[in-house]
Amino acid sequence: MKFTVVRKVLGLLLTVFSFTMLPPVVVAFIYQEGSPVPFLIAFAIILCAGLAIFFPVRRSRHVLRLRDGFLVVVLFWTSLGLAGALPFLLAPHPAISATDAVFESLSGLTTTGATVILGLDDLPKSILFYRQQLQWLGGMGIIVLAVAVLPMLGIGGMQLYRAEMPGPMKDSKLTPRITETAKALWYIYLWMTVACALAYWGAGMTLFDAIGHAFSTVAIGGFSTHDLSMGYFNSPLIEMIAVFFMLLAGMNFTLHFAVVRRQDLGLYFQDSEFRFYLLIMGTVTLVVTLALYYTDTYVTWDDALTKGLFQAVSIGTTTGFTTAEFYFWPPFLEILLLFASFIGGCAGSTGGGIKVIRFLLLIKQGMREIDRLIHPNAQLPVRIGGKSIDHRVVDAVWGFFSLYVACFILMYLMLAATGLDLLTAFSAVAACINNLGPGLSQVGAHYADLYDPAKWILCFAMLLGRLEIFTLLVLLSPTFWQR
């Protein structure tokens, strides 16, 4: 373990992150709402901390290894959650505790979208912008964004890239060099954000709301500048724009890159994961729409379809926007939507959950085991898109799934021990480990009423989900620390 190179990268990345405190300062001056002082103080503290970590080891020439990459990612996200909480803690409005500040910061950076802040419509624009910006930065992974602008990671950068990118097959590269790969992802992410903001603006949002909601839509985050979320705008056009961009952001960004580079939309439908993704979204939408109409939750097909489609895509992709209080819908629909979030988005997307490709692999592996019972001596590889999948990938998916379930059960029991009812505890853990946001029962609208121990458990759940279990838990293995 090369701790000097870990310190060097961590210090430099913290230094870069400190400059994200400046855009909210500009917003504060433009709108003359709220004081920019909390952001300036946070900028100074984070910058000094980053430089203090970086300067003593700035001349280190060690190469970043695989183990170092995992440690940097975990340390960075942990320190980032704490550093990102500073503006919330320093700002006079909202007046929240240190626990709530860290919860809100981690929820933004992990693109979870669970909030403990009430009265969003009355907050200063600078704070609202900062919340949305946190999600946008966290969406593609700040590590990946940083790799694009930090040449010093060029040699060992793939270790950071592999630790940060979501999905089971992380060695699939867009371009030969890691720096170029990260830039390609960043450009796709940036242009999707611009297109989404322009669409929202053209549909009737203010420019501020359009930019803020574009940040959280493309990041699959779910934070809003209003307490009523997307329901505030009461516009079917805005809702359908959101549905379109949520679906796009929930897809594999390497697939977007391939389509843009080859200028062939047919590549989307050649991808097995994309076809399964559409099948899941379509099925959930159909079931929810029919159930909403036939249970008289909505009396017209138009309302049932628009509300059902929006909630199915928003919850299914783990975005977490709402246009209706789905946590008051018939119980069957509440649980169906929550379970859809376990599947989540595609690998290599900004979505949370276990990922579509993993569920596809689990299904195909299950079908293979059934075939083996019939033909015990046959060699039956697991295939996706006509290609055989390495058994190590299949083993890793099963290991990931097992750990996911084990971590979920453990945190569910811990949360129940804090005094929450079982439905609230179950949905809170599900919403946080899947990076979804809204849950059911007491955590349907917000998490402000939870006890502090419960919030810290959920902070850990958010990190587990964002770093896809292994990246965080590998640090707990004694083997990891052996020379």
Protein backbone atom coordinates (compact mmCIF):
# COMPACT_ATOMS: atom_id res chain seq x y z
CA MET A 1 0.00 0.00 0.00
CA LYS A 2 1.53 3.32 -1.11
CA PHE A 3 0.07 5.81 1.36
CA THR A 4 2.04 8.70 -0.13
CA VAL A 5 0.34 8.33 -3.51
CA VAL A 6 -3.03 7.94 -1.77
CA ARG A 7 -2.41 11.20 0.10
CA LYS A 8 -1.26 12.94 -3.06
CA VAL A 9 -4.35 12.01 -5.07
CA LEU A 10 -6.75 12.62 -2.18
CA GLY A 11 -5.26 16.06 -1.50
CA LEU A 12 -5.40 17.07 -5.14
CA LEU A 13 -8.97 15.86 -5.59
CA LEU A 14 -10.12 17.70 -2.46
CA THR A 15 -8.42 20.83 -3.77
CA VAL A 16 -10.32 20.51 -7.05
CA PHE A 17 -13.59 19.88 -5.19
CA SER A 18 -13.15 23.09 -3.18
CA PHE A 19 -13.76 25.13 -6.33
CA THR A 20 -17.29 23.72 -6.60
CA MET A 21 -18.16 26.06 -3.71
CA LEU A 22 -17.80 29.09 -6.01
CA PRO A 23 -20.79 28.68 -8.42
CA PRO A 24 -23.29 29.02 -5.53
CA VAL A 25 -21.49 32.27 -4.60
CA VAL A 26 -22.23 33.59 -8.10
CA VAL A 27 -25.88 32.49 -7.73
CA ALA A 28 -26.11 34.32 -4.39
CA PHE A 29 -24.89 37.54 -6.03
CA ILE A 30 -27.22 37.19 -9.03
CA TYR A 31 -30.37 36.64 -7.00
CA GLN A 32 -29.36 38.69 -3.95
CA GLU A 33 -30.80 35.92 -1.77
CA GLY A 34 -28.87 34.54 1.13
CA SER A 35 -25.25 35.20 2.01
CA PRO A 36 -22.32 33.80 0.00
CA VAL A 37 -20.21 33.72 3.19
CA PRO A 38 -20.91 30.03 4.10
CA PHE A 39 -19.69 28.94 0.66
CA LEU A 40 -16.60 31.15 0.83
CA ILE A 41 -15.70 29.78 4.26
CA ALA A 42 -16.29 26.20 3.04
CA PHE A 43 -14.12 26.93 -0.02
CA ALA A 44 -11.27 28.17 2.16
CA ILE A 45 -11.47 25.24 4.60
CA ILE A 46 -11.62 22.54 1.90
CA LEU A 47 -8.89 24.20 -0.19
CA CYS A 48 -6.55 24.48 2.80
CA ALA A 49 -7.27 20.88 3.83
CA GLY A 50 -6.58 19.63 0.31
CA LEU A 51 -3.33 21.58 0.01
CA ALA A 52 -2.23 20.49 3.49
CA ILE A 53 -2.66 16.84 2.48
CA PHE A 54 -1.09 17.30 -0.98
CA PHE A 55 1.96 19.52 -0.46
CA PRO A 56 4.05 17.28 1.85
CA VAL A 57 3.89 14.44 -0.72
CA ARG A 58 3.69 16.47 -3.94
CA ARG A 59 7.03 15.12 -5.23
CA SER A 60 6.02 11.48 -4.77
CA ARG A 61 6.44 9.47 -8.00
CA HIS A 62 4.82 6.20 -6.94
CA VAL A 63 2.38 4.56 -9.33
CA LEU A 64 -1.27 4.26 -8.28
CA ARG A 65 -2.03 0.54 -7.84
CA LEU A 66 -5.33 -1.32 -7.65
CA ARG A 67 -5.48 -1.33 -3.84
CA ASP A 68 -4.55 2.36 -3.72
CA GLY A 69 -7.41 3.12 -6.12
CA PHE A 70 -10.01 1.47 -3.90
CA LEU A 71 -8.70 3.30 -0.83
CA VAL A 72 -8.68 6.68 -2.62
CA VAL A 73 -12.25 6.25 -3.83
CA VAL A 74 -13.60 5.32 -0.39
CA LEU A 75 -11.59 8.01 1.43
CA PHE A 76 -12.55 10.62 -1.12
CA TRP A 77 -16.27 9.91 -0.97
CA THR A 78 -16.19 9.85 2.82
CA SER A 79 -14.26 13.11 3.07
CA LEU A 80 -16.36 14.58 0.28
CA GLY A 81 -19.54 13.87 2.21
CA LEU A 82 -18.11 15.65 5.24
CA ALA A 83 -16.70 18.56 3.23
CA GLY A 84 -19.88 18.95 1.22
CA ALA A 85 -21.84 19.30 4.46
CA LEU A 86 -20.02 22.52 5.43
CA PRO A 87 -22.28 24.98 3.55
CA PHE A 88 -25.41 23.37 5.04
CA LEU A 89 -23.87 23.57 8.49
CA LEU A 90 -22.63 27.16 8.14
CA ALA A 91 -25.69 28.63 6.43
CA PRO A 92 -28.21 30.36 8.76
CA HIS A 93 -31.07 29.02 6.65
CA PRO A 94 -31.80 26.14 6.78
CA ALA A 95 -30.68 25.72 10.39
CA ILE A 96 -29.85 22.01 10.59
CA SER A 97 -27.67 19.77 12.75
CA ALA A 98 -24.30 18.31 11.77
CA THR A 99 -25.94 14.90 11.25
CA ASP A 100 -28.56 16.38 8.93
CA ALA A 101 -25.91 18.35 7.04
CA VAL A 102 -23.83 15.22 6.37
CA PHE A 103 -26.98 13.26 5.44
CA GLU A 104 -28.05 15.91 2.92
CA SER A 105 -24.55 16.16 1.48
CA LEU A 106 -24.10 12.41 1.05
CA SER A 107 -27.61 12.08 -0.32
CA GLY A 108 -26.72 14.62 -2.98
CA LEU A 109 -23.30 13.27 -3.88
CA THR A 110 -24.47 9.67 -4.04
CA THR A 111 -27.47 10.83 -6.13
CA THR A 112 -29.84 9.29 -3.59
CA GLY A 113 -32.18 12.25 -3.28
CA ALA A 114 -33.38 11.56 0.27
CA THR A 115 -33.78 14.87 2.08
CA VAL A 116 -34.05 16.10 5.65
CA ILE A 117 -34.70 19.73 4.65
CA LEU A 118 -38.26 21.02 4.74
CA GLY A 119 -39.56 24.22 3.15
CA LEU A 120 -37.45 24.11 -0.02
CA ASP A 121 -39.54 26.84 -1.65
CA ASP A 122 -38.37 29.30 1.02
CA LEU A 123 -34.65 28.51 0.86
CA PRO A 124 -32.09 30.89 -0.70
CA LYS A 125 -31.36 30.19 -4.36
CA SER A 126 -27.68 29.58 -3.56
CA ILE A 127 -28.50 26.67 -1.23
CA LEU A 128 -30.99 25.22 -3.73
CA PHE A 129 -28.44 25.46 -6.53
CA TYR A 130 -25.78 23.83 -4.36
CA ARG A 131 -28.02 20.83 -3.63
CA GLN A 132 -28.66 20.31 -7.33
CA GLN A 133 -24.97 20.79 -8.17
CA LEU A 134 -23.96 18.13 -5.64
CA GLN A 135 -26.10 15.59 -7.46
CA TRP A 136 -24.78 16.58 -10.87
CA LEU A 137 -21.17 16.18 -9.72
CA GLY A 138 -21.93 12.87 -8.02
CA GLY A 139 -23.89 11.51 -10.96
CA MET A 140 -21.09 10.28 -13.14
CA GLY A 141 -18.69 9.98 -10.25
CA ILE A 142 -16.39 12.80 -9.32
CA ILE A 143 -13.46 10.43 -9.60
CA VAL A 144 -14.18 9.83 -13.29
CA LEU A 145 -14.56 13.55 -13.90
CA ALA A 146 -11.33 14.24 -12.07
CA VAL A 147 -9.41 11.66 -14.11
CA ALA A 148 -10.25 13.65 -17.23
CA VAL A 149 -8.45 16.72 -15.92
CA LEU A 150 -5.67 15.22 -13.81
CA PRO A 151 -2.90 13.88 -16.07
CA MET A 152 -1.04 12.58 -13.02
CA LEU A 153 -3.53 9.70 -12.93
CA GLY A 154 -2.70 8.70 -16.49
CA ILE A 155 -0.51 5.72 -15.54
CA GLY A 156 -2.56 4.20 -12.76
CA GLY A 157 -5.85 5.90 -13.48
CA MET A 158 -7.62 2.71 -14.52
CA GLN A 159 -7.56 1.59 -10.90
CA LEU A 160 -9.69 4.62 -9.97
CA TYR A 161 -11.86 4.11 -13.02
CA ARG A 162 -12.51 0.45 -12.21
CA ALA A 163 -13.30 1.26 -8.59
CA GLU A 164 -15.73 4.03 -9.48
CA MET A 165 -17.64 2.88 -12.58
CA PRO A 166 -20.93 1.08 -11.80
CA GLY A 167 -21.56 -2.38 -13.23
CA PRO A 168 -20.10 -5.91 -13.30
CA MET A 169 -17.93 -5.69 -16.44
CA LYS A 170 -15.82 -2.67 -15.62
CA ASP A 171 -12.94 -3.31 -18.03
CA SER A 172 -15.01 -2.42 -21.09
CA LYS A 173 -13.25 0.70 -22.34
CA LEU A 174 -14.64 3.38 -24.65
CA THR A 175 -11.20 4.50 -25.80
CA PRO A 176 -7.68 3.10 -25.31
CA ARG A 177 -6.63 5.67 -22.69
CA ILE A 178 -8.35 6.20 -19.36
CA THR A 179 -8.14 10.01 -19.67
CA GLU A 180 -9.83 9.92 -23.06
CA THR A 181 -12.42 7.50 -21.70
CA ALA A 182 -13.34 9.82 -18.86
CA LYS A 183 -13.51 12.80 -21.23
CA ALA A 184 -15.84 10.89 -23.55
CA LEU A 185 -18.15 10.08 -20.64
CA TRP A 186 -18.01 13.68 -19.43
CA TYR A 187 -18.91 15.15 -22.81
CA ILE A 188 -21.91 12.85 -23.19
CA TYR A 189 -23.00 13.74 -19.66
CA LEU A 190 -22.52 17.46 -20.27
CA TRP A 191 -24.41 17.61 -23.56
CA MET A 192 -27.25 15.54 -22.15
CA THR A 193 -27.49 18.03 -19.27
CA VAL A 194 -27.56 21.02 -21.65
CA ALA A 195 -30.24 19.40 -23.83
CA CYS A 196 -32.35 18.55 -20.78
CA ALA A 197 -32.07 22.10 -19.38
CA LEU A 198 -33.08 23.66 -22.71
CA ALA A 199 -36.04 21.29 -23.00
CA TYR A 200 -37.25 22.13 -19.48
CA TRP A 201 -36.80 25.86 -20.15
CA GLY A 202 -38.70 25.64 -23.41
CA ALA A 203 -41.52 23.74 -21.66
CA GLY A 204 -42.12 26.54 -19.19
CA MET A 205 -39.67 26.23 -16.29
CA THR A 206 -37.69 29.26 -15.18
CA LEU A 207 -34.04 29.15 -16.23
CA PHE A 208 -33.00 28.49 -12.61
CA ASP A 209 -35.43 25.58 -12.22
CA ALA A 210 -34.54 24.23 -15.66
CA ILE A 211 -30.81 24.08 -14.88
CA GLY A 212 -31.38 22.72 -11.37
CA HIS A 213 -33.73 19.96 -12.50
CA ALA A 214 -31.53 19.11 -15.48
CA PHE A 215 -28.68 18.54 -13.01
CA SER A 216 -30.72 16.10 -10.94
CA THR A 217 -32.47 14.45 -13.91
CA VAL A 218 -29.32 13.49 -15.81
CA ALA A 219 -27.64 12.52 -12.53
CA ILE A 220 -30.62 10.26 -11.68
CA GLY A 221 -30.66 12.18 -8.41
CA GLY A 222 -34.17 13.36 -7.64
CA PHE A 223 -33.45 16.53 -5.68
CA SER A 224 -35.83 19.36 -6.58
CA THR A 225 -35.99 23.07 -5.88
CA HIS A 226 -39.59 22.65 -4.66
CA ASP A 227 -41.24 20.61 -1.91
CA LEU A 228 -43.72 19.16 -4.42
CA SER A 229 -40.89 17.95 -6.67
CA MET A 230 -41.95 17.73 -10.33
CA GLY A 231 -45.58 17.91 -9.22
CA TYR A 232 -45.01 21.63 -8.52
CA PHE A 233 -45.08 22.43 -12.24
CA ASN A 234 -48.31 20.51 -12.95
CA SER A 235 -47.28 20.12 -16.60
CA PRO A 236 -47.64 16.87 -18.58
CA LEU A 237 -45.09 18.21 -21.10
CA ILE A 238 -42.43 18.75 -18.42
CA GLU A 239 -43.19 15.32 -16.98
CA MET A 240 -42.73 13.60 -20.34
CA ILE A 241 -39.46 15.48 -20.94
CA ALA A 242 -38.31 14.23 -17.54
CA VAL A 243 -39.35 10.67 -18.42
CA PHE A 244 -37.34 10.81 -21.68
CA PHE A 245 -34.16 12.08 -20.03
CA MET A 246 -34.51 9.76 -17.02
CA LEU A 247 -34.67 6.81 -19.43
CA LEU A 248 -31.62 8.13 -21.32
CA ALA A 249 -29.61 8.67 -18.13
CA GLY A 250 -30.53 5.20 -16.89
CA MET A 251 -28.89 3.63 -19.95
CA ASN A 252 -25.26 2.54 -20.33
CA PHE A 253 -23.15 5.59 -21.25
CA THR A 254 -20.76 3.41 -23.25
CA LEU A 255 -23.75 2.52 -25.43
CA HIS A 256 -24.51 6.22 -25.92
CA PHE A 257 -20.89 6.77 -26.92
CA ALA A 258 -20.96 3.90 -29.43
CA VAL A 259 -24.18 5.23 -30.99
CA VAL A 260 -22.75 8.75 -31.30
CA ARG A 261 -19.43 7.57 -32.69
CA ARG A 262 -20.97 5.20 -35.27
CA GLN A 263 -24.09 7.33 -35.85
CA ASP A 264 -26.27 4.23 -35.71
CA LEU A 265 -29.37 4.19 -33.47
CA GLY A 266 -29.79 0.50 -34.23
CA LEU A 267 -26.96 -0.23 -31.78
CA TYR A 268 -29.35 0.45 -28.92
CA PHE A 269 -31.60 -2.45 -29.89
CA GLN A 270 -28.68 -4.79 -30.48
CA ASP A 271 -27.81 -4.47 -26.81
CA SER A 272 -29.35 -7.17 -24.59
CA GLU A 273 -29.27 -5.05 -21.46
CA PHE A 274 -31.07 -2.16 -23.19
CA ARG A 275 -33.83 -4.44 -24.48
CA PHE A 276 -34.30 -5.95 -21.01
CA TYR A 277 -34.26 -2.44 -19.49
CA LEU A 278 -37.09 -1.32 -21.79
CA LEU A 279 -39.01 -4.52 -21.06
CA ILE A 280 -38.80 -3.90 -17.30
CA MET A 281 -39.83 -0.24 -17.59
CA GLY A 282 -42.66 -1.07 -19.98
CA THR A 283 -43.97 -3.91 -17.82
CA VAL A 284 -43.90 -1.88 -14.59
CA THR A 285 -45.59 1.07 -16.34
CA LEU A 286 -48.34 -1.15 -17.74
CA VAL A 287 -49.04 -2.83 -14.39
CA VAL A 288 -49.03 0.45 -12.46
CA THR A 289 -51.28 2.21 -14.99
CA LEU A 290 -53.84 -0.60 -15.00
CA ALA A 291 -53.82 -0.86 -11.21
CA LEU A 292 -54.24 2.91 -10.74
CA TYR A 293 -57.27 2.93 -13.03
CA TYR A 294 -59.00 -0.21 -11.82
CA THR A 295 -58.52 0.64 -8.13
CA ASP A 296 -60.10 4.06 -8.82
CA THR A 297 -56.96 5.82 -7.60
CA TYR A 298 -57.39 7.88 -10.78
CA VAL A 299 -60.70 7.97 -12.60
CA THR A 300 -59.40 8.75 -16.11
CA TRP A 301 -57.02 6.80 -18.29
CA ASP A 302 -55.00 9.99 -18.99
CA ASP A 303 -54.27 10.57 -15.32
CA ALA A 304 -53.55 6.90 -14.66
CA LEU A 305 -51.13 6.73 -17.59
CA THR A 306 -49.24 9.98 -16.94
CA LYS A 307 -48.93 9.39 -13.19
CA GLY A 308 -48.16 5.69 -13.65
CA LEU A 309 -45.56 6.24 -16.39
CA PHE A 310 -43.78 9.02 -14.52
CA GLN A 311 -43.59 7.20 -11.18
CA ALA A 312 -42.63 3.87 -12.81
CA VAL A 313 -39.71 5.43 -14.71
CA SER A 314 -38.66 7.74 -11.87
CA ILE A 315 -38.65 4.98 -9.23
CA GLY A 316 -37.48 2.26 -11.64
CA THR A 317 -34.41 4.27 -12.70
CA THR A 318 -33.87 5.30 -9.03
CA THR A 319 -34.26 9.00 -9.85
CA GLY A 320 -36.84 9.69 -7.16
CA PHE A 321 -38.81 12.58 -8.64
CA THR A 322 -42.52 12.46 -7.83
CA THR A 323 -45.66 13.99 -9.31
CA ALA A 324 -47.95 12.15 -6.88
CA GLU A 325 -47.73 10.79 -3.35
CA PHE A 326 -47.14 7.22 -4.50
CA TYR A 327 -46.55 6.17 -0.88
CA PHE A 328 -50.33 6.60 -0.39
CA TRP A 329 -51.21 4.42 -3.39
CA PRO A 330 -52.53 0.85 -2.97
CA PRO A 331 -49.91 -1.21 -1.04
CA PHE A 332 -49.32 -3.54 -3.98
CA LEU A 333 -48.13 -0.62 -6.12
CA GLU A 334 -45.95 0.81 -3.36
CA ILE A 335 -44.07 -2.48 -3.01
CA LEU A 336 -43.91 -3.07 -6.78
CA LEU A 337 -42.28 0.32 -7.36
CA LEU A 338 -39.88 -0.17 -4.46
CA PHE A 339 -38.84 -3.59 -5.80
CA ALA A 340 -38.36 -2.07 -9.27
CA SER A 341 -35.74 0.22 -7.74
CA PHE A 342 -33.72 -2.85 -6.71
CA ILE A 343 -33.14 -3.56 -10.40
CA GLY A 344 -32.34 0.10 -11.10
CA GLY A 345 -30.56 1.42 -14.18
CA CYS A 346 -28.12 -0.14 -16.61
CA ALA A 347 -24.45 -0.74 -15.79
CA GLY A 348 -22.35 2.29 -16.68
CA SER A 349 -25.29 4.62 -16.12
CA THR A 350 -25.94 7.22 -13.43
CA GLY A 351 -28.68 5.02 -11.94
CA GLY A 352 -28.56 3.07 -8.69
CA GLY A 353 -29.81 -0.37 -7.74
CA ILE A 354 -28.28 -3.75 -8.48
CA LYS A 355 -28.23 -2.95 -12.24
CA VAL A 356 -30.16 -4.47 -15.13
CA ILE A 357 -27.24 -6.48 -16.51
CA ARG A 358 -26.75 -8.23 -13.18
CA PHE A 359 -30.39 -9.27 -13.03
CA LEU A 360 -30.15 -10.49 -16.61
CA LEU A 361 -27.08 -12.55 -15.69
CA LEU A 362 -28.81 -13.96 -12.60
CA ILE A 363 -31.84 -15.00 -14.67
CA LYS A 364 -29.69 -16.63 -17.37
CA GLN A 365 -27.61 -18.39 -14.72
CA GLY A 366 -30.78 -19.71 -13.10
CA MET A 367 -32.04 -20.97 -16.47
CA ARG A 368 -28.68 -22.65 -17.09
CA GLU A 369 -28.92 -24.50 -13.78
CA ILE A 370 -32.37 -25.80 -14.79
CA ASP A 371 -30.92 -26.98 -18.11
CA ARG A 372 -28.09 -28.70 -16.24
CA LEU A 373 -30.60 -30.76 -14.29
CA ILE A 374 -31.87 -32.08 -17.61
CA HIS A 375 -28.43 -32.39 -19.27
CA PRO A 376 -25.94 -32.87 -16.38
CA ASN A 377 -22.90 -33.47 -18.61
CA ALA A 378 -23.49 -30.66 -21.08
CA GLN A 379 -21.23 -27.59 -21.27
CA LEU A 380 -23.71 -24.72 -21.08
CA PRO A 381 -22.13 -21.25 -21.06
CA VAL A 382 -24.05 -18.17 -19.96
CA ARG A 383 -24.50 -15.96 -23.03
CA ILE A 384 -25.45 -12.31 -23.36
CA GLY A 385 -25.69 -10.73 -26.78
CA GLY A 386 -24.39 -13.92 -28.35
CA LYS A 387 -21.18 -13.84 -26.33
CA SER A 388 -20.18 -16.27 -23.59
CA ILE A 389 -19.70 -14.64 -20.22
CA ASP A 390 -16.57 -15.52 -18.24
CA HIS A 391 -17.46 -17.66 -15.23
CA ARG A 392 -15.58 -15.22 -13.00
CA VAL A 393 -18.01 -12.46 -13.97
CA VAL A 394 -20.96 -14.72 -13.15
CA ASP A 395 -19.34 -15.66 -9.82
CA ALA A 396 -18.75 -11.97 -9.06
CA VAL A 397 -22.41 -11.17 -9.77
CA TRP A 398 -23.58 -13.90 -7.41
CA GLY A 399 -21.12 -12.66 -4.78
CA PHE A 400 -22.35 -9.10 -5.25
CA PHE A 401 -25.98 -10.17 -4.98
CA SER A 402 -25.28 -12.18 -1.80
CA LEU A 403 -23.48 -9.28 -0.15
CA TYR A 404 -26.21 -6.86 -1.25
CA VAL A 405 -28.89 -8.98 0.41
CA ALA A 406 -26.76 -9.56 3.54
CA CYS A 407 -26.00 -5.84 3.95
CA PHE A 408 -29.65 -4.98 3.35
CA ILE A 409 -30.87 -7.40 6.04
CA LEU A 410 -28.27 -6.22 8.56
CA MET A 411 -29.09 -2.53 8.08
CA TYR A 412 -32.82 -3.30 8.07
CA LEU A 413 -32.49 -4.92 11.50
CA MET A 414 -30.33 -2.07 12.78
CA LEU A 415 -32.85 0.50 11.59
CA ALA A 416 -35.74 -1.42 13.14
CA ALA A 417 -33.77 -1.42 16.41
CA THR A 418 -33.92 2.41 16.44
CA GLY A 419 -37.68 2.17 16.92
CA LEU A 420 -38.96 2.54 13.36
CA ASP A 421 -41.89 0.44 12.18
CA LEU A 422 -40.94 -2.39 9.83
CA LEU A 423 -42.31 -0.81 6.64
CA THR A 424 -40.49 2.45 7.26
CA ALA A 425 -37.25 0.63 8.10
CA PHE A 426 -37.51 -1.67 5.07
CA SER A 427 -38.27 1.11 2.60
CA ALA A 428 -35.68 3.49 4.07
CA VAL A 429 -32.86 0.98 3.65
CA ALA A 430 -34.11 0.04 0.17
CA ALA A 431 -34.37 3.69 -0.89
CA CYS A 432 -30.87 4.50 0.37
CA ILE A 433 -28.89 1.42 -0.69
CA ASN A 434 -30.55 1.66 -4.14
CA ASN A 435 -29.81 5.42 -4.21
CA LEU A 436 -33.51 6.05 -4.83
CA GLY A 437 -34.53 8.66 -2.24
CA PRO A 438 -38.23 8.56 -1.36
CA GLY A 439 -39.42 5.58 0.66
CA LEU A 440 -42.74 4.56 2.18
CA SER A 441 -44.64 5.37 5.37
CA GLN A 442 -42.65 7.83 7.54
CA VAL A 443 -39.95 8.37 4.89
CA GLY A 444 -42.26 8.89 1.93
CA ALA A 445 -41.89 12.68 1.86
CA HIS A 446 -38.70 13.27 3.88
CA TYR A 447 -36.30 11.78 6.44
CA ALA A 448 -36.31 14.69 8.89
CA ASP A 449 -38.22 12.78 11.59
CA LEU A 450 -35.71 9.93 11.93
CA TYR A 451 -33.39 9.65 14.93
CA ASP A 452 -29.72 10.51 14.34
CA PRO A 453 -28.48 6.86 14.61
CA ALA A 454 -30.92 5.89 11.86
CA LYS A 455 -29.61 8.69 9.63
CA TRP A 456 -26.00 7.54 10.08
CA ILE A 457 -26.98 3.97 9.19
CA LEU A 458 -28.65 5.29 6.05
CA CYS A 459 -25.58 7.39 5.20
CA PHE A 460 -23.58 4.15 5.21
CA ALA A 461 -26.26 2.54 3.03
CA MET A 462 -25.97 5.37 0.49
CA LEU A 463 -22.20 4.92 0.29
CA LEU A 464 -22.56 1.14 -0.05
CA GLY A 465 -24.98 1.59 -2.92
CA ARG A 466 -22.99 4.30 -4.68
CA LEU A 467 -19.71 2.38 -4.44
CA GLU A 468 -21.41 -0.92 -5.31
CA ILE A 469 -20.71 -2.84 -2.08
CA PHE A 470 -17.34 -4.40 -3.00
CA THR A 471 -15.42 -1.11 -3.24
CA LEU A 472 -16.32 -0.25 0.35
CA LEU A 473 -16.35 -3.70 1.95
CA VAL A 474 -13.00 -4.71 0.43
CA LEU A 475 -11.36 -2.32 2.91
CA LEU A 476 -12.71 -4.46 5.74
CA SER A 477 -10.88 -7.54 4.49
CA PRO A 478 -7.61 -8.35 6.34
CA THR A 479 -6.16 -9.55 3.01
CA PHE A 480 -6.48 -6.05 1.58
CA TRP A 481 -4.04 -4.65 4.14
CA GLN A 482 -1.45 -7.44 3.81
CA ARG A 483 1.72 -6.67 1.89
